[in-house]
C-alpha atoms as a PDB file:
ATOM      1  CA  UNK A   1     -17.130  62.749   3.809  1.00  0.00           C
ATOM      2  CA  UNK A   2     -13.918  62.893   1.817  1.00  0.00           C
ATOM      3  CA  UNK A   3     -13.258  59.747  -0.162  1.00  0.00           C
ATOM      4  CA  UNK A   4      -9.859  58.052   0.093  1.00  0.00           C
ATOM      5  CA  UNK A   5      -8.593  56.138  -2.946  1.00  0.00           C
ATOM      6  CA  UNK A   6      -6.344  53.198  -2.041  1.00  0.00           C
ATOM      7  CA  UNK A   7      -4.289  52.188  -5.091  1.00  0.00           C
ATOM      8  CA  UNK A   8      -2.865  48.653  -5.059  1.00  0.00           C
ATOM      9  CA  UNK A   9      -0.702  47.459  -7.987  1.00  0.00           C
ATOM     10  CA  UNK A  10      -0.899  43.696  -8.500  1.00  0.00           C
ATOM     11  CA  UNK A  11       1.618  41.634 -10.449  1.00  0.00           C
ATOM     12  CA  UNK A  12       2.085  37.876 -10.049  1.00  0.00           C
ATOM     13  CA  UNK A  13       1.562  37.855  -6.276  1.00  0.00           C
ATOM     14  CA  UNK A  14      -1.409  35.506  -6.054  1.00  0.00           C
ATOM     15  CA  UNK A  15      -0.274  33.870  -2.818  1.00  0.00           C
ATOM     16  CA  UNK A  16       0.375  37.186  -1.032  1.00  0.00           C
ATOM     17  CA  UNK A  17      -2.179  39.689  -2.319  1.00  0.00           C
ATOM     18  CA  UNK A  18      -5.008  38.676   0.011  1.00  0.00           C
ATOM     19  CA  UNK A  19      -3.176  40.240   2.973  1.00  0.00           C
ATOM     20  CA  UNK A  20      -2.911  43.563   1.183  1.00  0.00           C
ATOM     21  CA  UNK A  21      -6.462  43.625  -0.182  1.00  0.00           C
ATOM     22  CA  UNK A  22      -8.028  42.439   3.068  1.00  0.00           C
ATOM     23  CA  UNK A  23      -6.249  45.158   5.035  1.00  0.00           C
ATOM     24  CA  UNK A  24      -7.736  47.707   2.639  1.00  0.00           C
ATOM     25  CA  UNK A  25     -11.231  46.199   2.739  1.00  0.00           C
ATOM     26  CA  UNK A  26     -11.198  46.149   6.556  1.00  0.00           C
ATOM     27  CA  UNK A  27     -10.329  49.832   6.945  1.00  0.00           C
ATOM     28  CA  UNK A  28     -12.328  51.534   9.687  1.00  0.00           C
ATOM     29  CA  UNK A  29     -12.897  54.538   7.437  1.00  0.00           C
ATOM     30  CA  UNK A  30     -15.965  53.806   5.341  1.00  0.00           C
ATOM     31  CA  UNK A  31     -15.732  56.193   2.402  1.00  0.00           C
ATOM     32  CA  UNK A  32     -12.946  54.507   0.470  1.00  0.00           C
ATOM     33  CA  UNK A  33     -12.435  53.106  -2.985  1.00  0.00           C
ATOM     34  CA  UNK A  34      -9.915  50.336  -3.548  1.00  0.00           C
ATOM     35  CA  UNK A  35      -8.309  50.292  -6.990  1.00  0.00           C
ATOM     36  CA  UNK A  36      -6.695  46.985  -7.881  1.00  0.00           C
ATOM     37  CA  UNK A  37      -4.451  47.382 -10.908  1.00  0.00           C
ATOM     38  CA  UNK A  38      -3.616  44.017 -12.459  1.00  0.00           C
ATOM     39  CA  UNK A  39      -0.397  44.761 -14.312  1.00  0.00           C
ATOM     40  CA  UNK A  40      -0.552  41.861 -16.751  1.00  0.00           C
ATOM     41  CA  UNK A  41      -0.305  39.073 -14.191  1.00  0.00           C
ATOM     42  CA  UNK A  42       0.080  35.518 -15.491  1.00  0.00           C
ATOM     43  CA  UNK A  43      -0.372  33.563 -12.229  1.00  0.00           C
ATOM     44  CA  UNK A  44      -4.077  34.049 -11.566  1.00  0.00           C
ATOM     45  CA  UNK A  45      -3.702  37.310  -9.646  1.00  0.00           C
ATOM     46  CA  UNK A  46      -5.937  39.094 -12.162  1.00  0.00           C
ATOM     47  CA  UNK A  47      -8.737  36.575 -11.641  1.00  0.00           C
ATOM     48  CA  UNK A  48      -8.413  37.046  -7.879  1.00  0.00           C
ATOM     49  CA  UNK A  49      -8.827  40.803  -8.394  1.00  0.00           C
ATOM     50  CA  UNK A  50     -12.067  40.135 -10.262  1.00  0.00           C
ATOM     51  CA  UNK A  51     -13.370  37.929  -7.464  1.00  0.00           C
ATOM     52  CA  UNK A  52     -12.644  40.649  -4.923  1.00  0.00           C
ATOM     53  CA  UNK A  53     -14.423  43.162  -7.145  1.00  0.00           C
ATOM     54  CA  UNK A  54     -17.505  40.945  -7.324  1.00  0.00           C
ATOM     55  CA  UNK A  55     -17.910  40.777  -3.563  1.00  0.00           C
ATOM     56  CA  UNK A  56     -17.147  44.398  -2.621  1.00  0.00           C
ATOM     57  CA  UNK A  57     -18.591  47.303  -4.603  1.00  0.00           C
ATOM     58  CA  UNK A  58     -15.904  49.643  -3.284  1.00  0.00           C
ATOM     59  CA  UNK A  59     -13.341  47.790  -5.396  1.00  0.00           C
ATOM     60  CA  UNK A  60     -12.457  48.840  -8.928  1.00  0.00           C
ATOM     61  CA  UNK A  61     -10.407  46.421 -11.016  1.00  0.00           C
ATOM     62  CA  UNK A  62      -8.175  47.528 -13.863  1.00  0.00           C
ATOM     63  CA  UNK A  63      -6.522  44.996 -16.170  1.00  0.00           C
ATOM     64  CA  UNK A  64      -3.619  46.254 -18.277  1.00  0.00           C
ATOM     65  CA  UNK A  65      -0.554  45.031 -20.103  1.00  0.00           C
ATOM     66  CA  UNK A  66       2.524  44.695 -17.958  1.00  0.00           C
ATOM     67  CA  UNK A  67       4.258  48.049 -17.639  1.00  0.00           C
ATOM     68  CA  UNK A  68       5.852  47.964 -14.221  1.00  0.00           C
ATOM     69  CA  UNK A  69       5.042  49.481 -10.839  1.00  0.00           C
ATOM     70  CA  UNK A  70       4.996  53.104 -12.000  1.00  0.00           C
ATOM     71  CA  UNK A  71       2.700  52.309 -14.907  1.00  0.00           C
ATOM     72  CA  UNK A  72       0.287  50.464 -12.613  1.00  0.00           C
ATOM     73  CA  UNK A  73       0.220  53.287 -10.079  1.00  0.00           C
ATOM     74  CA  UNK A  74      -0.365  55.821 -12.843  1.00  0.00           C
ATOM     75  CA  UNK A  75      -3.301  53.779 -14.150  1.00  0.00           C
ATOM     76  CA  UNK A  76      -4.708  53.789 -10.627  1.00  0.00           C
ATOM     77  CA  UNK A  77      -4.301  57.551 -10.372  1.00  0.00           C
ATOM     78  CA  UNK A  78      -6.136  58.017 -13.666  1.00  0.00           C
ATOM     79  CA  UNK A  79      -9.087  56.059 -12.252  1.00  0.00           C
ATOM     80  CA  UNK A  80      -9.050  57.542  -8.740  1.00  0.00           C
ATOM     81  CA  UNK A  81     -12.075  59.593  -7.694  1.00  0.00           C
ATOM     82  CA  UNK A  82     -11.153  60.279  -4.082  1.00  0.00           C
ATOM     83  CA  UNK A  83     -10.162  63.612  -2.600  1.00  0.00           C
ATOM     84  CA  UNK A  84      -7.217  61.805  -1.025  1.00  0.00           C
ATOM     85  CA  UNK A  85      -4.930  59.039  -2.302  1.00  0.00           C
ATOM     86  CA  UNK A  86      -2.679  56.500  -0.668  1.00  0.00           C
ATOM     87  CA  UNK A  87      -0.591  53.721  -2.211  1.00  0.00           C
ATOM     88  CA  UNK A  88      -0.315  50.176  -0.949  1.00  0.00           C
ATOM     89  CA  UNK A  89       1.982  47.613  -2.555  1.00  0.00           C
ATOM     90  CA  UNK A  90       0.292  44.322  -3.288  1.00  0.00           C
ATOM     91  CA  UNK A  91       2.339  42.257  -0.836  1.00  0.00           C
ATOM     92  CA  UNK A  92       2.262  44.700   2.092  1.00  0.00           C
ATOM     93  CA  UNK A  93      -0.607  45.745   4.348  1.00  0.00           C
ATOM     94  CA  UNK A  94      -2.059  48.622   6.351  1.00  0.00           C
ATOM     95  CA  UNK A  95      -3.071  49.141   9.952  1.00  0.00           C
ATOM     96  CA  UNK A  96      -6.864  48.863  10.016  1.00  0.00           C
ATOM     97  CA  UNK A  97      -7.348  52.521  10.937  1.00  0.00           C
ATOM     98  CA  UNK A  98      -4.584  53.858   8.682  1.00  0.00           C
ATOM     99  CA  UNK A  99      -6.876  55.777   6.320  1.00  0.00           C
ATOM    100  CA  UNK A 100      -9.086  57.085   9.145  1.00  0.00           C
ATOM    101  CA  UNK A 101      -6.194  58.227  11.283  1.00  0.00           C
ATOM    102  CA  UNK A 102      -4.154  59.811   8.475  1.00  0.00           C
ATOM    103  CA  UNK A 103      -7.249  61.593   7.189  1.00  0.00           C
ATOM    104  CA  UNK A 104      -7.995  62.973  10.663  1.00  0.00           C
ATOM    105  CA  UNK A 105      -4.548  64.573  10.649  1.00  0.00           C
ATOM    106  CA  UNK A 106      -5.120  65.874   7.124  1.00  0.00           C
ATOM    107  CA  UNK A 107      -8.405  67.506   8.072  1.00  0.00           C
ATOM    108  CA  UNK A 108      -6.922  69.032  11.213  1.00  0.00           C
ATOM    109  CA  UNK A 109      -3.832  70.448   9.524  1.00  0.00           C
ATOM    110  CA  UNK A 110      -4.996  70.924   5.905  1.00  0.00           C
ATOM    111  CA  UNK A 111      -1.601  69.586   4.823  1.00  0.00           C
ATOM    112  CA  UNK A 112      -1.062  68.469   1.232  1.00  0.00           C
ATOM    113  CA  UNK A 113       0.756  65.321   2.391  1.00  0.00           C
ATOM    114  CA  UNK A 114       0.618  63.325   5.612  1.00  0.00           C
ATOM    115  CA  UNK A 115       3.966  61.584   6.114  1.00  0.00           C
ATOM    116  CA  UNK A 116       3.814  58.484   8.320  1.00  0.00           C
ATOM    117  CA  UNK A 117       6.096  55.562   9.096  1.00  0.00           C
ATOM    118  CA  UNK A 118       6.278  51.853   8.359  1.00  0.00           C
ATOM    119  CA  UNK A 119       7.140  48.684  10.232  1.00  0.00           C
ATOM    120  CA  UNK A 120       9.194  45.942   8.606  1.00  0.00           C
ATOM    121  CA  UNK A 121       7.702  42.525   9.200  1.00  0.00           C
ATOM    122  CA  UNK A 122       7.911  38.992   7.902  1.00  0.00           C
ATOM    123  CA  UNK A 123       4.519  38.117   9.376  1.00  0.00           C
ATOM    124  CA  UNK A 124       1.293  37.576   7.466  1.00  0.00           C
ATOM    125  CA  UNK A 125      -1.536  40.038   7.938  1.00  0.00           C
ATOM    126  CA  UNK A 126      -3.436  40.017  11.199  1.00  0.00           C
ATOM    127  CA  UNK A 127      -5.927  42.829  11.878  1.00  0.00           C
ATOM    128  CA  UNK A 128      -4.171  45.561  13.840  1.00  0.00           C
ATOM    129  CA  UNK A 129      -5.176  49.029  14.955  1.00  0.00           C
ATOM    130  CA  UNK A 130      -2.627  51.656  15.902  1.00  0.00           C
ATOM    131  CA  UNK A 131      -3.107  53.942  18.862  1.00  0.00           C
ATOM    132  CA  UNK A 132      -2.274  57.267  17.261  1.00  0.00           C
ATOM    133  CA  UNK A 133      -0.249  59.795  19.184  1.00  0.00           C
ATOM    134  CA  UNK A 134      -2.166  62.714  17.705  1.00  0.00           C
ATOM    135  CA  UNK A 135       1.168  64.453  17.148  1.00  0.00           C
ATOM    136  CA  UNK A 136       1.909  66.254  13.876  1.00  0.00           C
ATOM    137  CA  UNK A 137       4.773  68.514  12.869  1.00  0.00           C
ATOM    138  CA  UNK A 138       3.467  70.740  10.094  1.00  0.00           C
ATOM    139  CA  UNK A 139       6.149  72.147   7.799  1.00  0.00           C
ATOM    140  CA  UNK A 140       5.587  74.751   5.079  1.00  0.00           C
ATOM    141  CA  UNK A 141       9.180  75.360   4.016  1.00  0.00           C
ATOM    142  CA  UNK A 142      10.509  73.765   0.818  1.00  0.00           C
ATOM    143  CA  UNK A 143      14.085  73.568   2.017  1.00  0.00           C
ATOM    144  CA  UNK A 144      12.990  71.713   5.139  1.00  0.00           C
ATOM    145  CA  UNK A 145      11.035  69.234   2.979  1.00  0.00           C
ATOM    146  CA  UNK A 146      14.258  68.294   1.207  1.00  0.00           C
ATOM    147  CA  UNK A 147      16.253  68.207   4.422  1.00  0.00           C
ATOM    148  CA  UNK A 148      13.686  65.819   5.918  1.00  0.00           C
ATOM    149  CA  UNK A 149      14.400  63.336   3.116  1.00  0.00           C
ATOM    150  CA  UNK A 150      17.808  62.763   4.672  1.00  0.00           C
ATOM    151  CA  UNK A 151      16.794  63.093   8.311  1.00  0.00           C
ATOM    152  CA  UNK A 152      13.984  60.529   8.030  1.00  0.00           C
ATOM    153  CA  UNK A 153      15.479  58.276   5.346  1.00  0.00           C
ATOM    154  CA  UNK A 154      13.569  55.641   3.398  1.00  0.00           C
ATOM    155  CA  UNK A 155      10.179  56.445   4.891  1.00  0.00           C
ATOM    156  CA  UNK A 156      10.330  59.972   3.492  1.00  0.00           C
ATOM    157  CA  UNK A 157      11.209  58.750  -0.004  1.00  0.00           C
ATOM    158  CA  UNK A 158       8.490  56.081  -0.203  1.00  0.00           C
ATOM    159  CA  UNK A 159       5.155  56.804  -1.882  1.00  0.00           C
ATOM    160  CA  UNK A 160       3.552  54.176   0.378  1.00  0.00           C
ATOM    161  CA  UNK A 161       4.086  56.129   3.595  1.00  0.00           C
ATOM    162  CA  UNK A 162       1.937  59.078   2.643  1.00  0.00           C
ATOM    163  CA  UNK A 163      -1.647  60.217   2.372  1.00  0.00           C
ATOM    164  CA  UNK A 164      -1.834  62.737  -0.477  1.00  0.00           C
ATOM    165  CA  UNK A 165      -4.387  65.297  -1.443  1.00  0.00           C
ATOM    166  CA  UNK A 166      -5.515  64.143  -4.876  1.00  0.00           C
ATOM    167  CA  UNK A 167      -4.510  67.518  -6.319  1.00  0.00           C
ATOM    168  CA  UNK A 168      -0.850  66.672  -5.696  1.00  0.00           C
ATOM    169  CA  UNK A 169      -1.082  64.475  -8.793  1.00  0.00           C
ATOM    170  CA  UNK A 170      -2.717  66.968 -11.110  1.00  0.00           C
ATOM    171  CA  UNK A 171       0.715  67.696 -12.574  1.00  0.00           C
ATOM    172  CA  UNK A 172       2.700  64.637 -11.535  1.00  0.00           C
ATOM    173  CA  UNK A 173       2.910  60.971 -12.418  1.00  0.00           C
ATOM    174  CA  UNK A 174       5.452  58.271 -11.593  1.00  0.00           C
ATOM    175  CA  UNK A 175       8.243  57.973 -14.132  1.00  0.00           C
ATOM    176  CA  UNK A 176       7.846  54.679 -15.948  1.00  0.00           C
ATOM    177  CA  UNK A 177      10.539  52.144 -16.797  1.00  0.00           C
ATOM    178  CA  UNK A 178      12.804  52.774 -13.803  1.00  0.00           C
ATOM    179  CA  UNK A 179      13.429  51.479 -10.311  1.00  0.00           C
ATOM    180  CA  UNK A 180      13.620  53.995  -7.443  1.00  0.00           C
ATOM    181  CA  UNK A 181      10.534  55.629  -8.946  1.00  0.00           C
ATOM    182  CA  UNK A 182       9.389  56.860  -5.529  1.00  0.00           C
ATOM    183  CA  UNK A 183      12.568  58.864  -4.988  1.00  0.00           C
ATOM    184  CA  UNK A 184      12.363  60.260  -8.501  1.00  0.00           C
ATOM    185  CA  UNK A 185       8.795  61.428  -7.935  1.00  0.00           C
ATOM    186  CA  UNK A 186       9.346  62.977  -4.511  1.00  0.00           C
ATOM    187  CA  UNK A 187      12.401  64.864  -5.781  1.00  0.00           C
ATOM    188  CA  UNK A 188      10.205  66.639  -8.348  1.00  0.00           C
ATOM    189  CA  UNK A 189       7.078  66.868  -6.232  1.00  0.00           C
ATOM    190  CA  UNK A 190       8.450  68.512  -3.082  1.00  0.00           C
ATOM    191  CA  UNK A 191       9.142  71.714  -4.967  1.00  0.00           C
ATOM    192  CA  UNK A 192       5.382  72.139  -5.509  1.00  0.00           C
ATOM    193  CA  UNK A 193       4.122  71.098  -2.064  1.00  0.00           C
ATOM    194  CA  UNK A 194       2.524  73.715   0.189  1.00  0.00           C
ATOM    195  CA  UNK A 195       2.691  71.836   3.494  1.00  0.00           C
ATOM    196  CA  UNK A 196       3.491  68.419   4.931  1.00  0.00           C
ATOM    197  CA  UNK A 197       2.375  67.022   8.281  1.00  0.00           C
ATOM    198  CA  UNK A 198       5.012  64.638   9.663  1.00  0.00           C
ATOM    199  CA  UNK A 199       3.616  62.172  12.178  1.00  0.00           C
ATOM    200  CA  UNK A 200       5.521  59.573  14.230  1.00  0.00           C
ATOM    201  CA  UNK A 201       2.892  56.858  13.827  1.00  0.00           C
ATOM    202  CA  UNK A 202       3.570  53.628  11.892  1.00  0.00           C
ATOM    203  CA  UNK A 203       0.546  52.970   9.670  1.00  0.00           C
ATOM    204  CA  UNK A 204       2.115  50.727   7.025  1.00  0.00           C
ATOM    205  CA  UNK A 205       3.528  47.187   7.235  1.00  0.00           C
ATOM    206  CA  UNK A 206       6.338  46.500   4.786  1.00  0.00           C
ATOM    207  CA  UNK A 207       6.611  42.743   4.358  1.00  0.00           C
ATOM    208  CA  UNK A 208      10.098  41.421   3.612  1.00  0.00           C
ATOM    209  CA  UNK A 209      10.057  38.345   1.411  1.00  0.00           C
ATOM    210  CA  UNK A 210      12.624  36.676  -0.798  1.00  0.00           C
ATOM    211  CA  UNK A 211      11.974  37.754  -4.381  1.00  0.00           C
ATOM    212  CA  UNK A 212      10.597  41.216  -3.666  1.00  0.00           C
ATOM    213  CA  UNK A 213      11.708  44.040  -5.975  1.00  0.00           C
ATOM    214  CA  UNK A 214      13.951  45.664  -3.370  1.00  0.00           C
ATOM    215  CA  UNK A 215      15.596  42.418  -2.200  1.00  0.00           C
ATOM    216  CA  UNK A 216      15.961  40.523  -5.459  1.00  0.00           C
ATOM    217  CA  UNK A 217      19.308  39.546  -7.004  1.00  0.00           C
ATOM    218  CA  UNK A 218      21.427  42.297  -8.499  1.00  0.00           C
ATOM    219  CA  UNK A 219      20.487  43.663 -11.899  1.00  0.00           C
ATOM    220  CA  UNK A 220      21.553  46.777 -13.732  1.00  0.00           C
ATOM    221  CA  UNK A 221      18.185  48.472 -13.224  1.00  0.00           C
ATOM    222  CA  UNK A 222      19.127  48.894  -9.581  1.00  0.00           C
ATOM    223  CA  UNK A 223      21.638  51.469 -10.765  1.00  0.00           C
ATOM    224  CA  UNK A 224      18.714  53.761 -11.606  1.00  0.00           C
ATOM    225  CA  UNK A 225      19.469  54.976  -8.083  1.00  0.00           C
ATOM    226  CA  UNK A 226      22.277  57.053  -9.573  1.00  0.00           C
ATOM    227  CA  UNK A 227      20.221  58.529 -12.414  1.00  0.00           C
ATOM    228  CA  UNK A 228      17.702  59.651  -9.796  1.00  0.00           C
ATOM    229  CA  UNK A 229      20.551  60.967  -7.658  1.00  0.00           C
ATOM    230  CA  UNK A 230      21.837  63.065 -10.539  1.00  0.00           C
ATOM    231  CA  UNK A 231      18.388  64.596 -10.985  1.00  0.00           C
ATOM    232  CA  UNK A 232      18.200  65.422  -7.298  1.00  0.00           C
ATOM    233  CA  UNK A 233      21.627  67.038  -7.464  1.00  0.00           C
ATOM    234  CA  UNK A 234      20.396  69.222 -10.329  1.00  0.00           C
ATOM    235  CA  UNK A 235      17.272  70.136  -8.376  1.00  0.00           C
ATOM    236  CA  UNK A 236      19.127  71.034  -5.175  1.00  0.00           C
ATOM    237  CA  UNK A 237      21.659  73.046  -7.141  1.00  0.00           C
ATOM    238  CA  UNK A 238      18.885  74.960  -8.932  1.00  0.00           C
ATOM    239  CA  UNK A 239      17.200  75.730  -5.613  1.00  0.00           C
ATOM    240  CA  UNK A 240      20.481  76.911  -4.094  1.00  0.00           C
ATOM    241  CA  UNK A 241      20.363  74.442  -1.197  1.00  0.00           C
ATOM    242  CA  UNK A 242      24.125  74.000  -0.990  1.00  0.00           C
ATOM    243  CA  UNK A 243      24.226  72.414   2.471  1.00  0.00           C
ATOM    244  CA  UNK A 244      21.682  69.738   1.477  1.00  0.00           C
ATOM    245  CA  UNK A 245      23.547  69.276  -1.794  1.00  0.00           C
ATOM    246  CA  UNK A 246      26.634  68.239   0.166  1.00  0.00           C
ATOM    247  CA  UNK A 247      24.558  65.603   1.956  1.00  0.00           C
ATOM    248  CA  UNK A 248      23.342  64.264  -1.390  1.00  0.00           C
ATOM    249  CA  UNK A 249      26.916  64.089  -2.681  1.00  0.00           C
ATOM    250  CA  UNK A 250      27.811  61.987   0.382  1.00  0.00           C
ATOM    251  CA  UNK A 251      24.826  59.704  -0.201  1.00  0.00           C
ATOM    252  CA  UNK A 252      25.681  59.328  -3.880  1.00  0.00           C
ATOM    253  CA  UNK A 253      29.323  58.420  -3.221  1.00  0.00           C
ATOM    254  CA  UNK A 254      28.407  56.037  -0.412  1.00  0.00           C
ATOM    255  CA  UNK A 255      25.871  54.467  -2.773  1.00  0.00           C
ATOM    256  CA  UNK A 256      28.569  53.831  -5.374  1.00  0.00           C
ATOM    257  CA  UNK A 257      30.683  51.946  -2.844  1.00  0.00           C
ATOM    258  CA  UNK A 258      27.798  49.960  -1.389  1.00  0.00           C
ATOM    259  CA  UNK A 259      26.262  49.036  -4.735  1.00  0.00           C
ATOM    260  CA  UNK A 260      29.692  47.889  -5.903  1.00  0.00           C
ATOM    261  CA  UNK A 261      29.836  45.513  -2.933  1.00  0.00           C
ATOM    262  CA  UNK A 262      26.396  44.122  -3.754  1.00  0.00           C
ATOM    263  CA  UNK A 263      27.244  43.678  -7.449  1.00  0.00           C
ATOM    264  CA  UNK A 264      30.566  42.092  -6.593  1.00  0.00           C
ATOM    265  CA  UNK A 265      29.014  39.650  -4.138  1.00  0.00           C
ATOM    266  CA  UNK A 266      26.500  38.581  -6.774  1.00  0.00           C
ATOM    267  CA  UNK A 267      29.240  38.209  -9.406  1.00  0.00           C
ATOM    268  CA  UNK A 268      27.759  40.879 -11.665  1.00  0.00           C
ATOM    269  CA  UNK A 269      30.661  41.869 -13.907  1.00  0.00           C
ATOM    270  CA  UNK A 270      28.454  44.330 -15.802  1.00  0.00           C
ATOM    271  CA  UNK A 271      27.320  45.918 -12.572  1.00  0.00           C
ATOM    272  CA  UNK A 272      30.858  46.305 -11.259  1.00  0.00           C
ATOM    273  CA  UNK A 273      32.061  47.785 -14.553  1.00  0.00           C
ATOM    274  CA  UNK A 274      29.185  50.282 -14.661  1.00  0.00           C
ATOM    275  CA  UNK A 275      29.798  51.412 -11.098  1.00  0.00           C
ATOM    276  CA  UNK A 276      33.477  51.981 -11.860  1.00  0.00           C
ATOM    277  CA  UNK A 277      32.377  54.089 -14.842  1.00  0.00           C
ATOM    278  CA  UNK A 278      30.076  56.078 -12.569  1.00  0.00           C
ATOM    279  CA  UNK A 279      32.935  56.577 -10.130  1.00  0.00           C
ATOM    280  CA  UNK A 280      35.093  58.063 -12.889  1.00  0.00           C
ATOM    281  CA  UNK A 281      32.217  60.293 -13.896  1.00  0.00           C
ATOM    282  CA  UNK A 282      31.724  61.363 -10.270  1.00  0.00           C
ATOM    283  CA  UNK A 283      35.327  62.513  -9.971  1.00  0.00           C
ATOM    284  CA  UNK A 284      35.101  64.395 -13.270  1.00  0.00           C
ATOM    285  CA  UNK A 285      31.907  66.225 -12.340  1.00  0.00           C
ATOM    286  CA  UNK A 286      32.237  66.883  -8.600  1.00  0.00           C
ATOM    287  CA  UNK A 287      34.875  68.318  -6.286  1.00  0.00           C
ATOM    288  CA  UNK A 288      32.951  67.562  -3.110  1.00  0.00           C
ATOM    289  CA  UNK A 289      34.969  65.601  -0.561  1.00  0.00           C
ATOM    290  CA  UNK A 290      32.772  63.205   1.456  1.00  0.00           C
ATOM    291  CA  UNK A 291      32.455  63.160   5.221  1.00  0.00           C
ATOM    292  CA  UNK A 292      35.127  61.625   7.441  1.00  0.00           C
ATOM    293  CA  UNK A 293      33.715  58.105   7.242  1.00  0.00           C
ATOM    294  CA  UNK A 294      34.142  57.904   3.459  1.00  0.00           C
ATOM    295  CA  UNK A 295      37.012  60.326   2.950  1.00  0.00           C
ATOM    296  CA  UNK A 296      39.769  57.715   2.841  1.00  0.00           C
ATOM    297  CA  UNK A 297      38.012  55.700   0.131  1.00  0.00           C
ATOM    298  CA  UNK A 298      37.257  58.896  -1.770  1.00  0.00           C
ATOM    299  CA  UNK A 299      40.984  59.530  -2.138  1.00  0.00           C
ATOM    300  CA  UNK A 300      41.824  55.880  -2.817  1.00  0.00           C
ATOM    301  CA  UNK A 301      39.253  55.571  -5.599  1.00  0.00           C
ATOM    302  CA  UNK A 302      40.271  58.928  -7.014  1.00  0.00           C
ATOM    303  CA  UNK A 303      43.725  57.463  -7.719  1.00  0.00           C
ATOM    304  CA  UNK A 304      42.080  54.608  -9.625  1.00  0.00           C
ATOM    305  CA  UNK A 305      38.373  53.614  -9.541  1.00  0.00           C
ATOM    306  CA  UNK A 306      39.454  49.974  -9.758  1.00  0.00           C
ATOM    307  CA  UNK A 307      40.628  50.342  -6.163  1.00  0.00           C
ATOM    308  CA  UNK A 308      36.977  50.261  -5.072  1.00  0.00           C
ATOM    309  CA  UNK A 309      37.728  46.541  -4.823  1.00  0.00           C
ATOM    310  CA  UNK A 310      39.606  47.331  -1.598  1.00  0.00           C
ATOM    311  CA  UNK A 311      36.390  48.615  -0.067  1.00  0.00           C
ATOM    312  CA  UNK A 312      34.609  45.408  -1.048  1.00  0.00           C
ATOM    313  CA  UNK A 313      37.334  43.235   0.475  1.00  0.00           C
ATOM    314  CA  UNK A 314      37.209  45.136   3.764  1.00  0.00           C
ATOM    315  CA  UNK A 315      33.408  44.916   3.918  1.00  0.00           C
ATOM    316  CA  UNK A 316      33.565  41.218   3.113  1.00  0.00           C
ATOM    317  CA  UNK A 317      36.161  40.629   5.806  1.00  0.00           C
ATOM    318  CA  UNK A 318      34.053  42.340   8.462  1.00  0.00           C
ATOM    319  CA  UNK A 319      30.805  40.779   7.239  1.00  0.00           C
ATOM    320  CA  UNK A 320      28.900  43.954   6.333  1.00  0.00           C
ATOM    321  CA  UNK A 321      27.693  43.206   2.806  1.00  0.00           C
ATOM    322  CA  UNK A 322      23.958  42.824   2.173  1.00  0.00           C
END
């Protein structure tokens, strides 16, 4: 049997981590190893990892100094012995047959990556199986991989919605010290992938809680989105994928407007100032005119980036600010 390594970063989530770990321990596929990476927790999470390790010999526990999500995942990869790898965040959980079902698709298709979906939930873990459709769209074209990032959206960018052949990480690790590390990795990694099997099944439960990394109050690290976007633009340009490049330009510009609204709502003067700087830079470096939906604001902000405030006021008036 092929072993599946389930890597779970743990950082100060003592009251939530049992859902994640239990969903891994209860997997219907037997040949798994569960790697709990305690990333310098100070709330007792590390001690809970040790207790789990004592009662299940499939669990490896790694204790390390705090280095962030990417650092914890990388430590897990260094310790992984499985032929396949999947990532599970410490406050989310898996369908009970997630590993078994994804691996069955992997064995049938011999794909390097199995891309599956997630369900957003606010509910605590209850054991759930999914009834798999058995469907799989196997793609072997690099350009289509990149196009799928935009067609599918967040699921395609996330590291947690994939079963990987372990060899996909022989040359890759998550970039440390940034947010949006999943998008940064997939932008580099897709160029080296041989095949991906896209399946419609939802195997992952993404739990939305106040205080999670994605939904926390605004901070400047969230603007790493644009550094990652710039790298993707370089990659798409180097590959000559001009039509996908236009889509990325649209996403980047839309991101500037939407992040400005979020920073403005949270009274982040630094965030607003940095986004205005990025807007100026965007106009200096790119001549791409966005799609119809954003075209008006493209021209308004081109006159003066400070006029992005008009976009915020309209969004606020119509109640569409996150």
